[in-house]
Protein backbone atom coordinates (compact mmCIF):
# COMPACT_ATOMS: atom_id res chain seq x y z
CA UNK A 1 -43.99 -15.45 227.23
CA UNK A 2 -42.25 -13.70 230.13
CA UNK A 3 -43.82 -10.58 231.64
CA UNK A 4 -42.18 -7.19 231.56
CA UNK A 5 -38.86 -6.70 233.35
CA UNK A 6 -37.95 -3.80 235.61
CA UNK A 7 -35.67 -2.08 233.09
CA UNK A 8 -38.00 -2.43 230.11
CA UNK A 9 -38.85 1.07 228.85
CA UNK A 10 -42.52 0.80 229.87
CA UNK A 11 -41.52 -0.05 233.46
CA UNK A 12 -39.01 2.79 233.98
CA UNK A 13 -39.43 5.55 236.57
CA UNK A 14 -41.85 7.98 234.89
CA UNK A 15 -39.77 10.96 236.07
CA UNK A 16 -36.79 9.67 234.06
CA UNK A 17 -38.96 9.51 230.93
CA UNK A 18 -40.24 13.06 231.50
CA UNK A 19 -36.72 14.54 231.48
CA UNK A 20 -35.82 16.59 228.40
CA UNK A 21 -32.42 18.16 227.78
CA UNK A 22 -32.42 20.15 224.55
CA UNK A 23 -28.71 21.07 224.58
CA UNK A 24 -27.97 17.45 223.64
CA UNK A 25 -31.34 16.74 222.03
CA UNK A 26 -32.58 16.05 218.50
CA UNK A 27 -30.36 18.69 216.85
CA UNK A 28 -27.21 17.42 218.55
CA UNK A 29 -28.00 13.81 217.60
CA UNK A 30 -28.57 14.80 213.94
CA UNK A 31 -25.33 16.83 213.97
CA UNK A 32 -23.43 13.79 215.30
CA UNK A 33 -24.91 11.63 212.49
CA UNK A 34 -23.88 14.16 209.83
CA UNK A 35 -20.39 14.31 211.33
CA UNK A 36 -20.09 10.52 211.02
CA UNK A 37 -21.08 10.90 207.35
CA UNK A 38 -18.11 13.24 206.89
CA UNK A 39 -19.82 16.65 207.05
CA UNK A 40 -17.90 19.41 208.88
CA UNK A 41 -19.97 20.36 211.91
CA UNK A 42 -19.48 23.51 214.00
CA UNK A 43 -20.85 22.54 217.42
CA UNK A 44 -22.11 25.80 218.87
CA UNK A 45 -24.76 23.99 220.92
CA UNK A 46 -22.79 23.55 224.18
CA UNK A 47 -20.71 26.10 226.11
CA UNK A 48 -17.62 23.91 225.73
CA UNK A 49 -14.74 26.36 225.08
CA UNK A 50 -11.81 23.96 224.73
CA UNK A 51 -13.69 21.78 222.22
CA UNK A 52 -13.90 24.86 219.96
CA UNK A 53 -10.19 25.60 220.21
CA UNK A 54 -9.80 27.78 223.34
CA UNK A 55 -6.33 27.10 224.78
CA UNK A 56 -6.10 26.03 228.44
CA UNK A 57 -4.45 28.54 230.78
CA UNK A 58 -0.85 27.44 231.37
CA UNK A 59 -0.42 27.91 235.13
CA UNK A 60 -3.31 25.73 236.40
CA UNK A 61 -2.36 22.93 234.00
CA UNK A 62 1.26 23.05 235.23
CA UNK A 63 0.17 22.84 238.87
CA UNK A 64 -2.29 19.99 238.31
CA UNK A 65 0.23 18.10 236.13
CA UNK A 66 2.68 18.17 239.06
CA UNK A 67 -0.05 17.11 241.50
CA UNK A 68 -1.01 14.20 239.22
CA UNK A 69 2.63 13.10 238.88
CA UNK A 70 4.25 14.13 242.19
CA UNK A 71 7.41 12.11 241.39
CA UNK A 72 8.26 14.92 238.93
CA UNK A 73 8.83 17.17 241.94
CA UNK A 74 11.82 14.96 242.88
CA UNK A 75 13.33 15.22 239.40
CA UNK A 76 16.45 17.43 239.44
CA UNK A 77 15.30 19.03 236.15
CA UNK A 78 11.81 19.96 237.36
CA UNK A 79 12.82 23.64 237.69
CA UNK A 80 13.83 23.72 234.01
CA UNK A 81 10.33 22.75 232.87
CA UNK A 82 8.02 24.25 235.52
CA UNK A 83 8.15 27.76 237.05
CA UNK A 84 8.96 27.98 240.76
CA UNK A 85 5.50 29.30 241.72
CA UNK A 86 3.78 26.35 239.99
CA UNK A 87 6.08 23.95 241.87
CA UNK A 88 5.34 25.72 245.18
CA UNK A 89 1.61 25.64 244.52
CA UNK A 90 1.63 21.93 243.63
CA UNK A 91 3.42 21.21 246.92
CA UNK A 92 0.81 23.35 248.72
CA UNK A 93 -2.12 21.31 247.29
CA UNK A 94 -0.37 17.99 247.88
CA UNK A 95 0.10 19.02 251.52
CA UNK A 96 -3.69 19.65 251.71
CA UNK A 97 -4.46 16.22 250.18
CA UNK A 98 -2.30 13.77 252.14
CA UNK A 99 -3.29 10.76 249.99
CA UNK A 100 -2.65 12.72 246.79
CA UNK A 101 -5.13 13.03 243.95
CA UNK A 102 -5.99 9.32 244.04
CA UNK A 103 -7.53 9.40 247.54
CA UNK A 104 -11.07 10.45 248.50
CA UNK A 105 -11.25 13.87 250.12
CA UNK A 106 -13.73 15.13 252.71
CA UNK A 107 -17.23 14.78 251.17
CA UNK A 108 -17.58 18.57 251.24
CA UNK A 109 -14.23 19.03 249.49
CA UNK A 110 -10.66 19.63 250.73
CA UNK A 111 -10.87 22.03 253.73
CA UNK A 112 -7.87 24.10 252.53
CA UNK A 113 -9.46 24.64 249.11
CA UNK A 114 -12.79 25.60 250.70
CA UNK A 115 -10.86 28.19 252.70
CA UNK A 116 -9.42 29.60 249.43
CA UNK A 117 -12.97 29.81 248.03
CA UNK A 118 -14.18 31.64 251.17
CA UNK A 119 -11.32 34.15 250.85
CA UNK A 120 -12.20 34.73 247.17
CA UNK A 121 -15.87 35.36 248.08
CA UNK A 122 -14.83 37.83 250.79
CA UNK A 123 -12.55 39.72 248.35
CA UNK A 124 -15.33 39.81 245.74
CA UNK A 125 -18.24 40.85 248.00
CA UNK A 126 -16.58 42.63 250.91
CA UNK A 127 -18.29 40.34 253.46
CA UNK A 128 -16.73 37.33 255.25
CA UNK A 129 -17.59 33.80 254.12
CA UNK A 130 -17.48 30.57 256.15
CA UNK A 131 -15.61 27.61 254.54
CA UNK A 132 -17.88 25.23 256.52
CA UNK A 133 -20.81 26.45 254.41
CA UNK A 134 -19.00 25.95 251.09
CA UNK A 135 -19.23 22.55 249.39
CA UNK A 136 -17.06 21.63 246.42
CA UNK A 137 -18.89 19.67 243.72
CA UNK A 138 -18.26 17.95 240.37
CA UNK A 139 -19.15 21.07 238.38
CA UNK A 140 -21.93 23.47 239.41
CA UNK A 141 -24.60 21.14 237.92
CA UNK A 142 -24.05 18.53 240.65
CA UNK A 143 -24.57 21.20 243.31
CA UNK A 144 -27.74 22.47 241.63
CA UNK A 145 -29.14 18.93 241.52
CA UNK A 146 -28.19 18.31 245.15
CA UNK A 147 -30.05 21.43 246.30
CA UNK A 148 -33.14 20.84 244.13
CA UNK A 149 -33.29 17.30 245.48
CA UNK A 150 -33.30 18.71 249.03
CA UNK A 151 -36.00 21.32 248.26
CA UNK A 152 -38.50 19.28 246.19
CA UNK A 153 -40.73 17.02 248.33
CA UNK A 154 -43.44 16.11 245.80
CA UNK A 155 -45.14 17.22 242.57
CA UNK A 156 -46.93 20.05 244.42
CA UNK A 157 -43.60 21.78 245.18
CA UNK A 158 -42.81 24.45 242.61
CA UNK A 159 -39.52 26.06 241.58
CA UNK A 160 -39.61 29.48 239.87
CA UNK A 161 -37.31 29.31 236.85
CA UNK A 162 -36.51 32.12 234.39
CA UNK A 163 -37.77 31.52 230.86
CA UNK A 164 -35.83 31.23 228.62
CA UNK A 165 -33.95 28.91 231.00
CA UNK A 166 -30.97 26.57 230.94
CA UNK A 167 -32.61 23.11 230.62
CA UNK A 168 -30.62 21.66 233.55
CA UNK A 169 -33.37 23.20 235.71
CA UNK A 170 -36.40 21.81 233.86
CA UNK A 171 -34.66 18.41 233.58
CA UNK A 172 -33.70 18.20 237.27
CA UNK A 173 -37.13 19.41 238.46
CA UNK A 174 -38.77 16.68 236.32
CA UNK A 175 -36.32 14.08 237.61
CA UNK A 176 -37.05 14.92 241.26
CA UNK A 177 -40.80 15.00 240.63
CA UNK A 178 -41.40 18.72 241.25
CA UNK A 179 -43.21 21.40 239.23
CA UNK A 180 -41.49 24.07 237.17
CA UNK A 181 -43.12 27.50 237.58
CA UNK A 182 -41.95 29.74 234.72
CA UNK A 183 -41.33 33.49 235.06
CA UNK A 184 -40.67 35.28 231.78
CA UNK A 185 -37.69 37.56 231.14
CA UNK A 186 -38.48 40.64 229.05
CA UNK A 187 -36.65 40.51 225.71
CA UNK A 188 -37.49 44.17 224.98
CA UNK A 189 -35.77 45.18 228.25
CA UNK A 190 -32.62 43.22 227.30
CA UNK A 191 -33.95 40.13 229.11
CA UNK A 192 -34.51 41.99 232.38
CA UNK A 193 -36.73 40.71 235.19
CA UNK A 194 -40.34 41.91 235.44
CA UNK A 195 -41.61 41.23 238.95
CA UNK A 196 -45.23 41.99 238.04
CA UNK A 197 -45.36 38.98 235.73
CA UNK A 198 -43.31 36.95 238.26
CA UNK A 199 -45.97 37.64 240.93
CA UNK A 200 -48.63 36.55 238.43
CA UNK A 201 -46.74 33.28 237.84
CA UNK A 202 -46.67 32.60 241.59
CA UNK A 203 -50.38 33.43 242.00
CA UNK A 204 -51.27 31.16 239.06
CA UNK A 205 -49.18 28.29 240.47
CA UNK A 206 -50.80 28.68 243.91
CA UNK A 207 -54.26 28.62 242.35
CA UNK A 208 -53.34 25.15 241.02
CA UNK A 209 -52.33 23.98 244.50
CA UNK A 210 -48.57 24.35 243.95
CA UNK A 211 -46.37 25.53 246.85
CA UNK A 212 -43.65 27.73 245.35
CA UNK A 213 -40.51 27.07 247.40
CA UNK A 214 -37.52 28.47 245.52
CA UNK A 215 -36.52 30.91 242.79
CA UNK A 216 -33.68 30.37 240.32
CA UNK A 217 -31.74 33.26 238.80
CA UNK A 218 -29.06 32.76 236.15
CA UNK A 219 -26.74 35.79 236.19
CA UNK A 220 -25.11 36.43 233.74
CA UNK A 221 -27.91 34.79 231.75
CA UNK A 222 -27.96 31.49 229.89
CA UNK A 223 -29.19 31.41 227.13
CA UNK A 224 -29.99 35.13 227.15
CA UNK A 225 -26.53 36.61 227.89
CA UNK A 226 -27.68 39.54 230.06
CA UNK A 227 -26.24 40.82 233.37
CA UNK A 228 -28.87 41.62 236.00
CA UNK A 229 -28.70 45.17 237.33
CA UNK A 230 -28.24 45.79 241.04
CA UNK A 231 -31.77 47.25 241.16
CA UNK A 232 -33.18 44.06 239.62
CA UNK A 233 -31.32 41.88 242.16
CA UNK A 234 -32.63 44.03 245.05
CA UNK A 235 -36.18 43.62 243.76
CA UNK A 236 -35.91 39.87 243.52
CA UNK A 237 -34.29 39.57 246.98
CA UNK A 238 -37.19 41.58 248.44
CA UNK A 239 -39.57 39.31 246.55
CA UNK A 240 -37.88 36.17 247.97
CA UNK A 241 -38.06 37.72 251.45
CA UNK A 242 -41.79 38.49 251.12
CA UNK A 243 -42.65 35.11 249.62
CA UNK A 244 -40.23 33.07 251.83
CA UNK A 245 -38.44 31.59 248.81
CA UNK A 246 -34.96 30.08 248.73
CA UNK A 247 -32.90 31.99 246.14
CA UNK A 248 -30.75 29.72 243.95
CA UNK A 249 -28.19 32.03 242.32
CA UNK A 250 -26.52 30.40 239.31
CA UNK A 251 -23.52 32.69 238.86
CA UNK A 252 -21.28 30.42 236.79
CA UNK A 253 -20.66 33.06 234.08
CA UNK A 254 -19.45 35.77 236.45
CA UNK A 255 -16.06 36.04 234.65
CA UNK A 256 -17.81 36.41 231.27
CA UNK A 257 -18.79 40.09 231.30
CA UNK A 258 -18.35 42.21 228.16
CA UNK A 259 -19.78 45.63 229.00
CA UNK A 260 -17.98 47.73 231.59
CA UNK A 261 -21.16 49.67 232.36
CA UNK A 262 -23.00 46.44 233.25
CA UNK A 263 -20.66 44.56 235.65
CA UNK A 264 -21.47 41.31 237.45
CA UNK A 265 -22.73 41.82 241.02
CA UNK A 266 -23.35 38.75 243.17
CA UNK A 267 -26.73 38.19 244.81
CA UNK A 268 -24.87 37.65 248.09
CA UNK A 269 -23.22 41.08 247.98
CA UNK A 270 -26.51 42.86 247.19
CA UNK A 271 -28.24 40.90 249.97
CA UNK A 272 -25.67 41.93 252.60
CA UNK A 273 -25.65 45.52 251.30
CA UNK A 274 -29.44 45.62 251.90
CA UNK A 275 -28.97 44.74 255.57
CA UNK A 276 -31.65 43.24 257.88
CA UNK A 277 -34.22 41.84 257.62
CA UNK A 278 -33.37 40.65 254.06
CA UNK A 279 -29.70 39.89 254.81
CA UNK A 280 -30.67 37.77 257.85
CA UNK A 281 -33.75 36.03 256.51
CA UNK A 282 -33.37 35.14 252.84
CA UNK A 283 -32.01 31.64 252.33
CA UNK A 284 -29.47 31.84 249.51
CA UNK A 285 -27.46 29.19 247.67
CA UNK A 286 -24.83 30.52 245.21
CA UNK A 287 -23.14 28.37 242.53
CA UNK A 288 -19.85 28.75 240.64
CA UNK A 289 -17.66 26.57 238.39
CA UNK A 290 -14.30 26.22 236.61
CA UNK A 291 -16.14 25.31 233.37
CA UNK A 292 -16.87 28.84 232.17
CA UNK A 293 -15.15 32.23 232.18
CA UNK A 294 -11.70 32.37 230.60
CA UNK A 295 -10.88 29.03 232.25
CA UNK A 296 -13.39 26.98 230.27
CA UNK A 297 -12.25 23.77 232.01
CA UNK A 298 -15.58 21.94 231.47
CA UNK A 299 -14.07 18.45 231.48
CA UNK A 300 -12.37 18.94 234.87
CA UNK A 301 -15.76 19.08 236.65
CA UNK A 302 -14.88 21.60 239.35
CA UNK A 303 -17.57 23.64 241.11
CA UNK A 304 -18.88 24.84 244.46
CA UNK A 305 -22.01 26.06 246.19
CA UNK A 306 -22.16 28.38 249.20
CA UNK A 307 -25.05 28.38 251.68
CA UNK A 308 -26.18 31.60 253.39
CA UNK A 309 -28.81 31.72 256.17
CA UNK A 310 -29.34 27.95 256.04
CA UNK A 311 -30.15 26.37 259.46
CA UNK A 312 -27.35 24.13 260.89
CA UNK A 313 -29.62 21.05 260.99
CA UNK A 314 -30.32 21.46 257.26
CA UNK A 315 -26.59 21.84 256.56
CA UNK A 316 -26.05 18.53 258.40
CA UNK A 317 -28.61 16.83 256.13
CA UNK A 318 -26.93 18.25 253.01
CA UNK A 319 -23.57 16.98 254.29
CA UNK A 320 -25.11 13.54 254.85
CA UNK A 321 -26.38 13.39 251.26
CA UNK A 322 -23.04 14.68 249.90
CA UNK A 323 -21.36 11.82 251.79
CA UNK A 324 -23.27 9.22 249.73
CA UNK A 325 -21.10 10.17 246.73
CA UNK A 326 -18.01 9.94 249.04
CA UNK A 327 -16.03 12.79 247.49
CA UNK A 328 -16.04 15.28 244.62
CA UNK A 329 -13.19 14.57 242.17
CA UNK A 330 -9.93 15.87 243.61
CA UNK A 331 -8.27 17.33 240.46
CA UNK A 332 -11.46 19.39 239.90
CA UNK A 333 -11.18 20.70 243.46
CA UNK A 334 -7.60 21.81 242.81
CA UNK A 335 -8.69 23.61 239.63
CA UNK A 336 -11.27 25.42 241.75
CA UNK A 337 -8.59 26.40 244.29
CA UNK A 338 -6.43 27.75 241.47
CA UNK A 339 -9.30 29.67 239.90
CA UNK A 340 -10.20 31.48 243.12
CA UNK A 341 -6.53 32.00 244.02
CA UNK A 342 -4.66 32.63 240.74
CA UNK A 343 -1.12 34.07 240.38
CA UNK A 344 -0.82 37.55 241.88
CA UNK A 345 1.21 40.58 240.72
CA UNK A 346 4.86 39.84 241.51
CA UNK A 347 4.52 36.05 241.04
CA UNK A 348 6.68 34.52 238.31
CA UNK A 349 3.65 33.27 236.37
CA UNK A 350 1.52 36.39 236.83
CA UNK A 351 2.32 38.19 233.57
CA UNK A 352 1.71 35.10 231.46
CA UNK A 353 -1.50 34.21 233.33
CA UNK A 354 -2.76 37.77 233.08
CA UNK A 355 -1.95 38.04 229.34
CA UNK A 356 -3.62 34.69 228.57
CA UNK A 357 -6.82 35.43 230.50
CA UNK A 358 -7.08 38.98 229.14
CA UNK A 359 -6.59 37.79 225.57
CA UNK A 360 -9.39 35.18 225.91
CA UNK A 361 -11.80 37.69 227.47
CA UNK A 362 -11.05 40.42 224.91
CA UNK A 363 -11.53 37.94 222.08
CA UNK A 364 -14.87 36.77 223.56
CA UNK A 365 -15.95 40.42 223.78
CA UNK A 366 -15.11 40.94 220.09
CA UNK A 367 -16.83 37.69 219.10
CA UNK A 368 -19.98 38.72 221.00
CA UNK A 369 -20.01 41.95 218.96
CA UNK A 370 -19.38 40.20 215.60
CA UNK A 371 -22.20 37.76 216.30
CA UNK A 372 -24.72 40.36 217.51
CA UNK A 373 -23.98 42.62 214.50
CA UNK A 374 -24.12 39.60 212.16
CA UNK A 375 -27.53 38.47 213.41
CA UNK A 376 -28.94 42.00 213.37
CA UNK A 377 -27.89 42.40 209.73
CA UNK A 378 -30.04 39.39 208.74
CA UNK A 379 -33.60 39.54 207.47
CA UNK A 380 -36.27 38.79 210.12
CA UNK A 381 -33.62 38.31 212.84
CA UNK A 382 -33.21 40.54 215.93
CA UNK A 383 -30.65 40.02 218.66
CA UNK A 384 -29.85 41.72 221.96
CA UNK A 385 -26.17 42.38 222.68
CA UNK A 386 -24.49 39.66 224.73
CA UNK A 387 -23.59 41.51 227.98
CA UNK A 388 -22.29 38.36 229.66
CA UNK A 389 -21.99 34.54 229.53
CA UNK A 390 -21.04 32.90 226.21
CA UNK A 391 -24.22 32.76 224.14
CA UNK A 392 -26.17 34.70 221.56
CA UNK A 393 -29.97 34.24 221.56
CA UNK A 394 -31.40 35.84 218.42
CA UNK A 395 -35.13 35.97 217.76
CA UNK A 396 -36.06 34.53 214.35
CA UNK A 397 -39.29 35.95 212.90
CA UNK A 398 -40.49 32.92 210.95
CA UNK A 399 -42.94 33.31 208.05
CA UNK A 400 -46.36 31.66 208.57
CA UNK A 401 -45.66 29.26 205.71
CA UNK A 402 -42.52 27.95 207.45
CA UNK A 403 -44.55 27.41 210.63
CA UNK A 404 -47.19 25.47 208.68
CA UNK A 405 -44.60 23.26 206.95
CA UNK A 406 -42.89 22.60 210.31
CA UNK A 407 -46.21 21.67 211.87
CA UNK A 408 -47.04 19.22 209.07
CA UNK A 409 -43.59 17.65 209.60
CA UNK A 410 -44.43 17.26 213.32
CA UNK A 411 -41.72 19.73 214.41
CA UNK A 412 -41.67 22.93 216.44
CA UNK A 413 -41.04 25.80 213.97
CA UNK A 414 -37.68 26.76 215.52
CA UNK A 415 -36.55 23.10 215.57
CA UNK A 416 -37.40 22.92 211.85
CA UNK A 417 -35.40 26.11 211.15
CA UNK A 418 -32.38 24.87 213.17
CA UNK A 419 -32.42 21.46 211.42
CA UNK A 420 -32.46 23.19 208.00
CA UNK A 421 -29.60 25.46 209.18
CA UNK A 422 -27.61 22.40 210.31
CA UNK A 423 -28.14 20.52 207.02
CA UNK A 424 -27.21 23.57 204.92
CA UNK A 425 -24.23 24.97 206.87
CA UNK A 426 -23.07 22.41 209.46
CA UNK A 427 -23.80 24.93 212.25
CA UNK A 428 -25.28 23.03 215.21
CA UNK A 429 -27.39 25.30 217.44
CA UNK A 430 -30.14 24.78 220.04
CA UNK A 431 -33.73 25.82 219.22
CA UNK A 432 -35.26 28.37 221.59
CA UNK A 433 -38.10 25.98 222.40
CA UNK A 434 -35.53 23.89 224.32
CA UNK A 435 -35.18 26.79 226.78
CA UNK A 436 -38.80 27.93 226.81
CA UNK A 437 -40.03 31.12 225.13
CA UNK A 438 -43.24 33.13 224.84
CA UNK A 439 -45.98 31.61 222.69
CA UNK A 440 -45.47 32.32 218.97
CA UNK A 441 -41.94 33.73 219.44
CA UNK A 442 -38.95 31.78 218.12
CA UNK A 443 -35.23 31.85 218.89
CA UNK A 444 -32.06 29.85 218.59
CA UNK A 445 -29.08 29.73 220.92
CA UNK A 446 -25.53 29.63 219.69
CA UNK A 447 -22.34 29.96 221.70
CA UNK A 448 -19.94 32.82 220.88
CA UNK A 449 -17.08 30.31 221.20
CA UNK A 450 -15.99 29.43 217.62
CA UNK A 451 -12.48 30.73 216.85
CA UNK A 452 -12.45 34.48 216.18
CA UNK A 453 -10.88 34.02 212.73
CA UNK A 454 -13.73 31.63 211.74
CA UNK A 455 -16.48 33.96 212.96
CA UNK A 456 -16.97 36.14 209.83
CA UNK A 457 -17.29 33.01 207.62
CA UNK A 458 -19.76 31.40 210.07
CA UNK A 459 -21.91 34.55 210.16
CA UNK A 460 -21.79 34.88 206.38
CA UNK A 461 -22.91 31.26 205.88
CA UNK A 462 -25.71 31.86 208.43
CA UNK A 463 -26.83 34.99 206.54
CA UNK A 464 -26.78 33.15 203.20
CA UNK A 465 -28.86 30.30 204.66
CA UNK A 466 -31.31 32.68 206.36
CA UNK A 467 -31.83 34.67 203.13
CA UNK A 468 -32.62 31.56 201.13
CA UNK A 469 -34.88 30.18 203.92
CA UNK A 470 -36.83 33.44 204.09
CA UNK A 471 -37.10 33.56 200.26
CA UNK A 472 -38.37 29.99 200.18
CA UNK A 473 -41.03 30.43 202.88
CA UNK A 474 -41.97 34.10 202.55
CA UNK A 475 -45.73 34.52 202.66
CA UNK A 476 -46.28 35.56 199.02
CA UNK A 477 -49.98 36.22 199.58
CA UNK A 478 -49.02 39.42 201.38
CA UNK A 479 -46.85 40.76 198.55
């Protein structure tokens, strides 16, 4: 008999086997099976707006359609189908990409688009940005992985990650062979940051021989939906300065903000507002994407990261590694250019663009409210208001009997609850254990993306399920 081969499961890279990604884990696989059997499934497990019926914005699609099919620009009727500003913008991007969309671009992304990103950052923060330090990527996830790969040297290198966290971070840290160092967000303080417990996490990691090298913040939060206050961001920048940590600022939900009194403020702006030494010393990488906000163009894979206070030699190394992949996809780069430089007042397409984006954002705001109120009206369920992003993260207070039954079935209690919810209602969520949570506390994450008109029915079927679940497993010995 032949011995084992390199791609037999037992022989695989152990880091690959360690990777877990709950957003497409057991629940998602079961939901896909049920869908094949003909059950109607509402996939609220992934922040995938267009898959749940959000309409694409018209202007960017018009521009990219013309870039993909430049021969349309020569058609005498082009002006009857496309507005003049979309035609002008398509010509602008085609002039920046001489080989068109089918040719590789610079490995860092098209220089002209990086310039548009730098101008957007300057308008947002009030401080200039250098296009040479902005790299376009296939979605923000690729950029996050690129930077973690550069930071993690071995299993003794630790990355501070907020818990609950988006599992991209735990998965990528496992893949690159590093150590995840959790710091817990405070649910009672609307998922705010508590630096006392963060310092404890660092001290504990160091006592185990781990060198903590970077800190991740997700603002607005995923899965927790909070916006960090300016005071919180100042605290964590000071902390990164004192501890010599790279700050990885995942700011992909910056368009998704639903409370005027809690706006999005970028880590970069707060850092420059603080002035030296923090503004000169803290190494900061900021990430953004076209996948979220009112664009929701997940499938286009457009993103960027910007490097601040990173030494030139390190930037050269990051460029070298980016070059291995040759080029980020070009249509995604154009979507990014359009997102950071949308139609302006006075442009032909402005009113339509403005009405479309406003309508999506207002609807998301209403859906966030319907969902929060719906969860809070349920027995043994408490939920913070979604200030930002596109998720609700209710805490489910599970009866002891449900926990025991889950344990005997070999499941985490929240996984058991979410599987029962899926079977009963077709609602596919992600258990809180997939994001990390405090011991003995259980949550689920759902997006706020289902169509607004479907939302009351979804919440009512959730409530009905939750009532019957609680009735079934209530600890009768206490009655």
